Amino acid sequence: LARASWHHCSMARKPQHVSETPATQQLRRAGIAFTEHPYDYVEHGGTAESARQLGVDEHAVVKTLVMQDERAQPLVILMHGDREVSTKNLARAIGAKSVEPCKPEVAQRHSGYQIGGTSPFGFKKQGVPVYVEQTILALPHICINGGRRGFLVGIEPRVLTELLGARPVHCAL
């Protein structure tokens, strides 16, 4: 079923060229194959809205969340669109005392992206650790933000570990 809905994602719209973002530049430089999926961005629509417009399972739409530990050190957690992050379990998994979402302006400063357009690729601040909900890695394909509001890229989940060095954790609610 996931494969069928993925195929629908790539066929849902006529391909239209989307201008480069730091995310697509990093993917291209690394020779990573990806598909482009523009949609009409809706304020606070989140992954439910992008999944609905693109005709894909929200579980395979991955959100990029910028958080910080108790020392205000940033980190990225990649989560299924239809699940929430247990900050308590995430903190335990990464050996931090606590983890909390960054304020939007702080997240923007770290990522270089507008809120709603944050990609884990082409991140502005170097060396920010990336964590991924382990079950995402078992999916055949995922859609993840391509570095702009209203723009997802389709990739294989292994790209997250191979290109970003994302470390698997269990923290989904």
N, C-alpha and C. Protein backbone atom coordinates (compact mmCIF):
# COMPACT_ATOMS: atom_id res chain seq x y z
N LEU A 1 0.84 -1.21 0.00
CA LEU A 1 0.00 0.00 0.00
C LEU A 1 0.87 1.25 0.00
N ALA A 2 1.91 1.25 0.82
CA ALA A 2 2.78 2.43 0.87
C ALA A 2 3.39 2.70 -0.50
N ARG A 3 3.76 1.64 -1.20
CA ARG A 3 4.37 1.82 -2.52
C ARG A 3 3.36 2.46 -3.48
N ALA A 4 2.11 2.01 -3.42
CA ALA A 4 1.08 2.56 -4.30
C ALA A 4 0.85 4.03 -4.01
N SER A 5 0.77 4.40 -2.73
CA SER A 5 0.53 5.80 -2.39
C SER A 5 1.75 6.64 -2.77
N TRP A 6 2.93 6.04 -2.70
CA TRP A 6 4.14 6.77 -3.08
C TRP A 6 4.09 7.08 -4.58
N HIS A 7 3.71 6.06 -5.37
CA HIS A 7 3.63 6.24 -6.81
C HIS A 7 2.64 7.37 -7.12
N HIS A 8 1.55 7.39 -6.37
CA HIS A 8 0.54 8.43 -6.56
C HIS A 8 1.16 9.80 -6.29
N CYS A 9 2.02 9.88 -5.29
CA CYS A 9 2.69 11.14 -4.93
C CYS A 9 3.45 11.67 -6.14
N SER A 10 4.19 10.79 -6.80
CA SER A 10 5.02 11.27 -7.90
C SER A 10 4.20 11.54 -9.15
N MET A 11 2.99 10.98 -9.21
CA MET A 11 2.18 11.19 -10.40
C MET A 11 1.10 12.25 -10.19
N ALA A 12 0.94 12.69 -8.97
CA ALA A 12 -0.19 13.57 -8.63
C ALA A 12 -0.16 14.89 -9.39
N ARG A 13 1.00 15.40 -9.70
CA ARG A 13 1.11 16.70 -10.35
C ARG A 13 2.01 16.64 -11.55
N LYS A 14 1.79 17.56 -12.45
CA LYS A 14 2.72 17.69 -13.57
C LYS A 14 4.04 18.19 -12.98
N PRO A 15 5.17 17.62 -13.39
CA PRO A 15 6.44 18.09 -12.83
C PRO A 15 6.62 19.57 -13.14
N GLN A 16 6.95 20.33 -12.14
CA GLN A 16 7.26 21.73 -12.39
C GLN A 16 8.60 21.99 -11.72
N HIS A 17 9.43 22.80 -12.36
CA HIS A 17 10.75 23.01 -11.80
C HIS A 17 10.66 23.91 -10.59
N VAL A 18 11.32 23.54 -9.52
CA VAL A 18 11.35 24.36 -8.32
C VAL A 18 12.78 24.86 -8.20
N SER A 19 12.94 26.16 -7.94
CA SER A 19 14.31 26.68 -7.88
C SER A 19 15.07 26.04 -6.72
N GLU A 20 16.38 26.02 -6.86
CA GLU A 20 17.25 25.35 -5.88
C GLU A 20 17.09 25.95 -4.48
N THR A 21 17.28 25.11 -3.49
CA THR A 21 17.36 25.53 -2.10
C THR A 21 18.68 24.95 -1.57
N PRO A 22 19.15 25.40 -0.40
CA PRO A 22 20.35 24.75 0.17
C PRO A 22 20.16 23.24 0.32
N ALA A 23 18.92 22.79 0.56
CA ALA A 23 18.64 21.36 0.71
C ALA A 23 18.84 20.62 -0.61
N THR A 24 18.24 21.13 -1.70
CA THR A 24 18.39 20.44 -2.98
C THR A 24 19.83 20.51 -3.47
N GLN A 25 20.51 21.60 -3.15
CA GLN A 25 21.93 21.71 -3.52
C GLN A 25 22.76 20.63 -2.83
N GLN A 26 22.51 20.41 -1.52
CA GLN A 26 23.26 19.37 -0.80
C GLN A 26 22.95 17.99 -1.39
N LEU A 27 21.68 17.72 -1.68
CA LEU A 27 21.29 16.43 -2.24
C LEU A 27 21.95 16.21 -3.60
N ARG A 28 21.92 17.22 -4.46
CA ARG A 28 22.53 17.10 -5.78
C ARG A 28 24.04 16.89 -5.69
N ARG A 29 24.69 17.68 -4.83
CA ARG A 29 26.15 17.55 -4.65
C ARG A 29 26.53 16.14 -4.24
N ALA A 30 25.68 15.52 -3.41
CA ALA A 30 25.96 14.18 -2.91
C ALA A 30 25.51 13.10 -3.90
N GLY A 31 24.91 13.51 -5.00
CA GLY A 31 24.47 12.54 -6.01
C GLY A 31 23.26 11.73 -5.58
N ILE A 32 22.42 12.32 -4.73
CA ILE A 32 21.24 11.62 -4.21
C ILE A 32 20.06 11.84 -5.17
N ALA A 33 19.41 10.75 -5.55
CA ALA A 33 18.21 10.84 -6.38
C ALA A 33 17.03 11.28 -5.51
N PHE A 34 16.30 12.28 -5.99
CA PHE A 34 15.11 12.70 -5.25
C PHE A 34 14.07 13.21 -6.24
N THR A 35 12.81 13.17 -5.80
CA THR A 35 11.72 13.69 -6.61
C THR A 35 11.23 14.97 -5.95
N GLU A 36 10.68 15.89 -6.75
CA GLU A 36 10.22 17.18 -6.24
C GLU A 36 8.70 17.20 -6.16
N HIS A 37 8.18 17.65 -5.04
CA HIS A 37 6.72 17.65 -4.82
C HIS A 37 6.23 18.98 -4.27
N PRO A 38 6.01 19.95 -5.17
CA PRO A 38 5.45 21.23 -4.72
C PRO A 38 3.97 21.07 -4.35
N TYR A 39 3.53 21.84 -3.39
CA TYR A 39 2.10 21.88 -3.02
C TYR A 39 1.80 23.29 -2.54
N ASP A 40 0.53 23.58 -2.37
CA ASP A 40 0.15 24.92 -1.92
C ASP A 40 0.26 25.00 -0.40
N TYR A 41 1.23 25.77 0.06
CA TYR A 41 1.47 25.88 1.50
C TYR A 41 0.28 26.53 2.18
N VAL A 42 -0.14 25.92 3.29
CA VAL A 42 -1.23 26.46 4.10
C VAL A 42 -0.68 26.71 5.50
N GLU A 43 -0.80 27.95 5.97
CA GLU A 43 -0.33 28.32 7.31
C GLU A 43 -0.88 27.34 8.35
N HIS A 44 -0.02 26.76 9.17
CA HIS A 44 -0.40 25.80 10.22
C HIS A 44 -1.05 24.53 9.67
N GLY A 45 -0.93 24.27 8.36
CA GLY A 45 -1.52 23.06 7.78
C GLY A 45 -0.72 21.82 8.11
N GLY A 46 0.60 22.02 8.26
CA GLY A 46 1.49 20.93 8.65
C GLY A 46 1.49 19.77 7.67
N THR A 47 1.95 18.62 8.17
CA THR A 47 2.09 17.44 7.31
C THR A 47 0.74 16.89 6.88
N ALA A 48 -0.32 17.13 7.65
CA ALA A 48 -1.65 16.63 7.26
C ALA A 48 -2.05 17.29 5.95
N GLU A 49 -1.79 18.57 5.82
CA GLU A 49 -2.15 19.33 4.61
C GLU A 49 -1.30 18.90 3.41
N SER A 50 0.01 18.81 3.60
CA SER A 50 0.87 18.42 2.47
C SER A 50 0.55 16.99 2.03
N ALA A 51 0.32 16.09 2.98
CA ALA A 51 -0.02 14.70 2.65
C ALA A 51 -1.33 14.64 1.88
N ARG A 52 -2.32 15.43 2.31
CA ARG A 52 -3.63 15.45 1.65
C ARG A 52 -3.47 15.94 0.21
N GLN A 53 -2.76 17.06 0.03
CA GLN A 53 -2.60 17.63 -1.32
C GLN A 53 -1.82 16.70 -2.25
N LEU A 54 -0.81 16.04 -1.71
CA LEU A 54 0.05 15.19 -2.55
C LEU A 54 -0.47 13.76 -2.67
N GLY A 55 -1.51 13.43 -1.90
CA GLY A 55 -2.09 12.09 -1.98
C GLY A 55 -1.19 11.02 -1.41
N VAL A 56 -0.46 11.35 -0.34
CA VAL A 56 0.42 10.36 0.29
C VAL A 56 0.00 10.14 1.74
N ASP A 57 0.45 9.04 2.29
CA ASP A 57 0.19 8.70 3.69
C ASP A 57 1.00 9.66 4.57
N GLU A 58 0.31 10.33 5.50
CA GLU A 58 0.99 11.29 6.38
C GLU A 58 2.11 10.62 7.18
N HIS A 59 1.99 9.32 7.41
CA HIS A 59 3.02 8.57 8.14
C HIS A 59 4.37 8.61 7.41
N ALA A 60 4.33 8.75 6.07
CA ALA A 60 5.55 8.78 5.25
C ALA A 60 6.02 10.21 4.95
N VAL A 61 5.28 11.20 5.49
CA VAL A 61 5.72 12.59 5.38
C VAL A 61 6.46 12.89 6.68
N VAL A 62 7.74 13.20 6.55
CA VAL A 62 8.59 13.36 7.74
C VAL A 62 8.76 14.84 8.07
N LYS A 63 8.50 15.19 9.33
CA LYS A 63 8.70 16.58 9.75
C LYS A 63 10.07 16.75 10.38
N THR A 64 10.64 17.92 10.15
CA THR A 64 11.97 18.28 10.66
C THR A 64 11.77 19.24 11.82
N LEU A 65 12.09 18.80 13.03
CA LEU A 65 11.87 19.61 14.22
C LEU A 65 13.20 20.03 14.83
N VAL A 66 13.35 21.33 15.06
CA VAL A 66 14.58 21.85 15.68
C VAL A 66 14.32 22.02 17.17
N MET A 67 15.09 21.29 17.96
CA MET A 67 14.94 21.33 19.42
C MET A 67 16.26 21.71 20.06
N GLN A 68 16.24 21.82 21.37
CA GLN A 68 17.49 22.11 22.09
C GLN A 68 17.51 21.35 23.40
N ASP A 69 18.74 21.07 23.86
CA ASP A 69 18.88 20.38 25.15
C ASP A 69 18.98 21.42 26.26
N GLU A 70 19.23 20.94 27.47
CA GLU A 70 19.25 21.83 28.63
C GLU A 70 20.38 22.87 28.56
N ARG A 71 21.38 22.63 27.72
CA ARG A 71 22.48 23.60 27.55
C ARG A 71 22.22 24.51 26.36
N ALA A 72 20.99 24.47 25.83
CA ALA A 72 20.57 25.27 24.67
C ALA A 72 21.35 24.90 23.41
N GLN A 73 21.86 23.64 23.37
CA GLN A 73 22.53 23.14 22.16
C GLN A 73 21.46 22.60 21.22
N PRO A 74 21.47 23.04 19.96
CA PRO A 74 20.43 22.60 19.03
C PRO A 74 20.60 21.16 18.58
N LEU A 75 19.49 20.54 18.22
CA LEU A 75 19.48 19.21 17.63
C LEU A 75 18.26 19.13 16.73
N VAL A 76 18.30 18.20 15.80
CA VAL A 76 17.18 17.99 14.88
C VAL A 76 16.61 16.61 15.15
N ILE A 77 15.28 16.52 15.22
CA ILE A 77 14.62 15.23 15.31
C ILE A 77 13.66 15.12 14.12
N LEU A 78 13.77 14.01 13.40
CA LEU A 78 12.92 13.74 12.24
C LEU A 78 11.83 12.77 12.68
N MET A 79 10.57 13.17 12.49
CA MET A 79 9.45 12.40 13.02
C MET A 79 8.37 12.20 11.95
N HIS A 80 7.68 11.05 12.04
CA HIS A 80 6.51 10.80 11.18
C HIS A 80 5.54 11.98 11.31
N GLY A 81 4.95 12.37 10.19
CA GLY A 81 4.01 13.49 10.22
C GLY A 81 2.83 13.28 11.14
N ASP A 82 2.42 12.02 11.30
CA ASP A 82 1.23 11.73 12.10
C ASP A 82 1.55 11.34 13.54
N ARG A 83 2.78 11.58 13.95
CA ARG A 83 3.17 11.25 15.34
C ARG A 83 3.80 12.48 16.00
N GLU A 84 3.81 12.47 17.33
CA GLU A 84 4.44 13.55 18.09
C GLU A 84 5.73 13.03 18.70
N VAL A 85 6.58 13.96 19.14
CA VAL A 85 7.84 13.60 19.80
C VAL A 85 7.64 13.61 21.30
N SER A 86 8.03 12.52 21.97
CA SER A 86 8.11 12.53 23.43
C SER A 86 9.47 13.13 23.78
N THR A 87 9.47 14.37 24.25
CA THR A 87 10.75 15.03 24.57
C THR A 87 11.46 14.31 25.72
N LYS A 88 10.67 13.70 26.60
CA LYS A 88 11.26 12.95 27.71
C LYS A 88 12.02 11.73 27.18
N ASN A 89 11.38 10.98 26.27
CA ASN A 89 12.04 9.80 25.70
C ASN A 89 13.21 10.18 24.81
N LEU A 90 13.08 11.29 24.09
CA LEU A 90 14.19 11.76 23.25
C LEU A 90 15.38 12.13 24.12
N ALA A 91 15.14 12.88 25.18
CA ALA A 91 16.23 13.27 26.09
C ALA A 91 16.94 12.03 26.64
N ARG A 92 16.15 11.04 27.08
CA ARG A 92 16.71 9.81 27.62
C ARG A 92 17.55 9.11 26.56
N ALA A 93 17.03 9.05 25.32
CA ALA A 93 17.71 8.33 24.23
C ALA A 93 19.05 8.96 23.85
N ILE A 94 19.15 10.29 24.01
CA ILE A 94 20.39 10.97 23.59
C ILE A 94 21.27 11.36 24.76
N GLY A 95 20.86 10.98 25.98
CA GLY A 95 21.67 11.26 27.16
C GLY A 95 21.65 12.72 27.59
N ALA A 96 20.53 13.42 27.31
CA ALA A 96 20.38 14.81 27.75
C ALA A 96 19.47 14.82 28.98
N LYS A 97 19.60 15.89 29.79
CA LYS A 97 18.71 16.02 30.95
C LYS A 97 17.30 16.35 30.48
N SER A 98 17.21 17.25 29.49
CA SER A 98 15.90 17.64 28.96
C SER A 98 16.05 18.11 27.52
N VAL A 99 14.93 18.06 26.81
CA VAL A 99 14.87 18.53 25.42
C VAL A 99 13.58 19.32 25.28
N GLU A 100 13.65 20.44 24.58
CA GLU A 100 12.45 21.22 24.31
C GLU A 100 12.56 21.84 22.92
N PRO A 101 11.39 22.14 22.29
CA PRO A 101 11.44 22.79 20.98
C PRO A 101 12.12 24.16 21.09
N CYS A 102 12.87 24.53 20.08
CA CYS A 102 13.45 25.88 20.03
C CYS A 102 12.33 26.86 19.72
N LYS A 103 12.49 28.11 20.16
CA LYS A 103 11.57 29.16 19.76
C LYS A 103 11.74 29.33 18.24
N PRO A 104 10.66 29.70 17.54
CA PRO A 104 10.73 29.80 16.08
C PRO A 104 11.89 30.62 15.55
N GLU A 105 12.16 31.77 16.18
CA GLU A 105 13.25 32.61 15.67
C GLU A 105 14.62 31.97 15.91
N VAL A 106 14.75 31.19 16.97
CA VAL A 106 16.00 30.48 17.26
C VAL A 106 16.18 29.33 16.26
N ALA A 107 15.10 28.59 16.03
CA ALA A 107 15.13 27.49 15.06
C ALA A 107 15.54 28.02 13.68
N GLN A 108 14.98 29.16 13.31
CA GLN A 108 15.27 29.77 12.02
C GLN A 108 16.75 30.18 11.92
N ARG A 109 17.29 30.69 13.01
CA ARG A 109 18.70 31.10 13.04
C ARG A 109 19.61 29.89 12.85
N HIS A 110 19.28 28.78 13.52
CA HIS A 110 20.09 27.56 13.40
C HIS A 110 19.98 26.95 12.00
N SER A 111 18.76 26.87 11.47
CA SER A 111 18.53 26.13 10.23
C SER A 111 18.79 26.96 8.98
N GLY A 112 18.55 28.26 9.08
CA GLY A 112 18.62 29.12 7.90
C GLY A 112 17.34 29.05 7.08
N TYR A 113 16.34 28.31 7.57
CA TYR A 113 15.07 28.15 6.86
C TYR A 113 13.94 28.83 7.61
N GLN A 114 12.91 29.21 6.84
CA GLN A 114 11.68 29.74 7.39
C GLN A 114 10.92 28.61 8.08
N ILE A 115 10.23 28.91 9.18
CA ILE A 115 9.39 27.91 9.84
C ILE A 115 8.35 27.42 8.83
N GLY A 116 8.16 26.11 8.76
CA GLY A 116 7.25 25.54 7.77
C GLY A 116 7.99 25.15 6.50
N GLY A 117 9.27 25.53 6.42
CA GLY A 117 10.09 25.21 5.27
C GLY A 117 11.43 24.63 5.68
N THR A 118 11.49 24.07 6.90
CA THR A 118 12.75 23.57 7.44
C THR A 118 13.08 22.18 6.91
N SER A 119 14.27 22.05 6.34
CA SER A 119 14.78 20.77 5.86
C SER A 119 15.99 20.39 6.69
N PRO A 120 16.22 19.09 6.90
CA PRO A 120 17.45 18.70 7.61
C PRO A 120 18.68 18.81 6.69
N PHE A 121 18.42 18.96 5.38
CA PHE A 121 19.51 19.09 4.41
C PHE A 121 19.84 20.57 4.21
N GLY A 122 21.11 20.87 3.99
CA GLY A 122 21.51 22.26 3.75
C GLY A 122 21.34 23.13 4.98
N PHE A 123 21.46 22.52 6.16
CA PHE A 123 21.31 23.24 7.42
C PHE A 123 22.39 24.31 7.54
N LYS A 124 22.01 25.50 8.02
CA LYS A 124 22.96 26.62 8.09
C LYS A 124 24.05 26.37 9.14
N LYS A 125 23.63 26.03 10.36
CA LYS A 125 24.61 25.79 11.42
C LYS A 125 25.21 24.40 11.23
N GLN A 126 26.51 24.33 11.20
CA GLN A 126 27.20 23.06 10.97
C GLN A 126 27.26 22.23 12.26
N GLY A 127 27.29 20.92 12.10
CA GLY A 127 27.53 20.03 13.24
C GLY A 127 26.35 19.80 14.16
N VAL A 128 25.16 20.21 13.76
CA VAL A 128 23.98 19.98 14.60
C VAL A 128 23.61 18.50 14.49
N PRO A 129 23.54 17.78 15.63
CA PRO A 129 23.21 16.35 15.54
C PRO A 129 21.78 16.13 15.05
N VAL A 130 21.62 15.08 14.24
CA VAL A 130 20.31 14.75 13.69
C VAL A 130 19.90 13.37 14.21
N TYR A 131 18.68 13.28 14.71
CA TYR A 131 18.11 12.02 15.18
C TYR A 131 16.88 11.72 14.34
N VAL A 132 16.60 10.43 14.15
CA VAL A 132 15.45 10.03 13.35
C VAL A 132 14.68 8.95 14.09
N GLU A 133 13.35 9.09 14.12
CA GLU A 133 12.51 8.05 14.70
C GLU A 133 12.80 6.76 13.93
N GLN A 134 13.18 5.71 14.65
CA GLN A 134 13.69 4.48 14.04
C GLN A 134 12.75 3.89 12.98
N THR A 135 11.44 3.96 13.22
CA THR A 135 10.49 3.33 12.30
C THR A 135 10.45 4.02 10.92
N ILE A 136 10.92 5.27 10.84
CA ILE A 136 10.99 5.97 9.54
C ILE A 136 11.94 5.22 8.61
N LEU A 137 13.00 4.67 9.17
CA LEU A 137 14.02 4.00 8.36
C LEU A 137 13.50 2.71 7.71
N ALA A 138 12.38 2.19 8.21
CA ALA A 138 11.80 0.96 7.65
C ALA A 138 10.86 1.24 6.47
N LEU A 139 10.52 2.51 6.24
CA LEU A 139 9.62 2.85 5.13
C LEU A 139 10.34 2.74 3.79
N PRO A 140 9.61 2.39 2.71
CA PRO A 140 10.29 2.30 1.40
C PRO A 140 10.69 3.67 0.86
N HIS A 141 9.87 4.68 1.07
CA HIS A 141 10.15 6.05 0.61
C HIS A 141 9.56 7.03 1.60
N ILE A 142 10.12 8.21 1.64
CA ILE A 142 9.56 9.28 2.48
C ILE A 142 9.51 10.57 1.68
N CYS A 143 8.65 11.48 2.13
CA CYS A 143 8.64 12.85 1.64
C CYS A 143 9.10 13.71 2.82
N ILE A 144 10.02 14.65 2.56
CA ILE A 144 10.56 15.50 3.62
C ILE A 144 10.75 16.90 3.04
N ASN A 145 10.73 17.91 3.89
CA ASN A 145 10.80 19.27 3.39
C ASN A 145 12.05 19.50 2.56
N GLY A 146 11.87 20.19 1.44
CA GLY A 146 12.97 20.46 0.52
C GLY A 146 13.60 21.83 0.72
N GLY A 147 13.28 22.50 1.83
CA GLY A 147 13.94 23.78 2.13
C GLY A 147 13.11 25.00 1.78
N ARG A 148 11.81 24.81 1.59
CA ARG A 148 10.93 25.93 1.29
C ARG A 148 9.52 25.52 1.67
N ARG A 149 8.71 26.48 2.12
CA ARG A 149 7.30 26.19 2.38
C ARG A 149 6.64 25.72 1.09
N GLY A 150 5.84 24.67 1.19
CA GLY A 150 5.13 24.17 0.02
C GLY A 150 5.99 23.36 -0.93
N PHE A 151 7.03 22.73 -0.39
CA PHE A 151 7.94 21.95 -1.26
C PHE A 151 8.54 20.78 -0.49
N LEU A 152 8.14 19.56 -0.89
CA LEU A 152 8.71 18.36 -0.30
C LEU A 152 9.58 17.66 -1.34
N VAL A 153 10.57 16.91 -0.87
CA VAL A 153 11.34 16.05 -1.76
C VAL A 153 11.09 14.61 -1.33
N GLY A 154 11.04 13.73 -2.32
CA GLY A 154 10.88 12.31 -2.07
C GLY A 154 12.24 11.63 -2.13
N ILE A 155 12.58 10.90 -1.08
CA ILE A 155 13.88 10.21 -1.00
C ILE A 155 13.71 8.85 -0.34
N GLU A 156 14.75 8.04 -0.41
CA GLU A 156 14.79 6.81 0.36
C GLU A 156 15.26 7.16 1.77
N PRO A 157 14.68 6.56 2.79
CA PRO A 157 15.04 6.92 4.17
C PRO A 157 16.53 6.72 4.50
N ARG A 158 17.20 5.78 3.82
CA ARG A 158 18.62 5.55 4.14
C ARG A 158 19.47 6.80 3.91
N VAL A 159 18.98 7.73 3.08
CA VAL A 159 19.69 9.00 2.85
C VAL A 159 19.88 9.74 4.18
N LEU A 160 18.91 9.60 5.08
CA LEU A 160 18.97 10.29 6.36
C LEU A 160 20.18 9.84 7.18
N THR A 161 20.44 8.54 7.17
CA THR A 161 21.58 8.03 7.93
C THR A 161 22.87 8.18 7.16
N GLU A 162 22.82 7.94 5.84
CA GLU A 162 24.04 7.98 5.03
C GLU A 162 24.58 9.39 4.81
N LEU A 163 23.68 10.35 4.51
CA LEU A 163 24.13 11.71 4.21
C LEU A 163 24.18 12.60 5.44
N LEU A 164 23.21 12.44 6.34
CA LEU A 164 23.14 13.31 7.52
C LEU A 164 23.75 12.68 8.76
N GLY A 165 24.03 11.38 8.70
CA GLY A 165 24.50 10.70 9.90
C GLY A 165 23.44 10.65 10.99
N ALA A 166 22.16 10.66 10.56
CA ALA A 166 21.06 10.65 11.53
C ALA A 166 21.11 9.38 12.37
N ARG A 167 20.96 9.56 13.69
CA ARG A 167 21.00 8.42 14.61
C ARG A 167 19.59 8.00 14.99
N PRO A 168 19.28 6.69 14.84
CA PRO A 168 17.93 6.22 15.15
C PRO A 168 17.62 6.28 16.65
N VAL A 169 16.43 6.74 16.97
CA VAL A 169 15.95 6.78 18.37
C VAL A 169 14.48 6.35 18.38
N HIS A 170 14.00 6.01 19.58
CA HIS A 170 12.55 5.73 19.77
C HIS A 170 11.99 6.83 20.63
N CYS A 171 11.18 7.71 20.06
CA CYS A 171 10.59 8.77 20.88
C CYS A 171 9.24 9.21 20.34
N ALA A 172 8.62 8.38 19.51
CA ALA A 172 7.32 8.74 18.93
C ALA A 172 6.20 8.50 19.93
N LEU A 173 5.22 9.40 19.92
CA LEU A 173 4.01 9.25 20.73
C LEU A 173 2.86 8.92 19.80
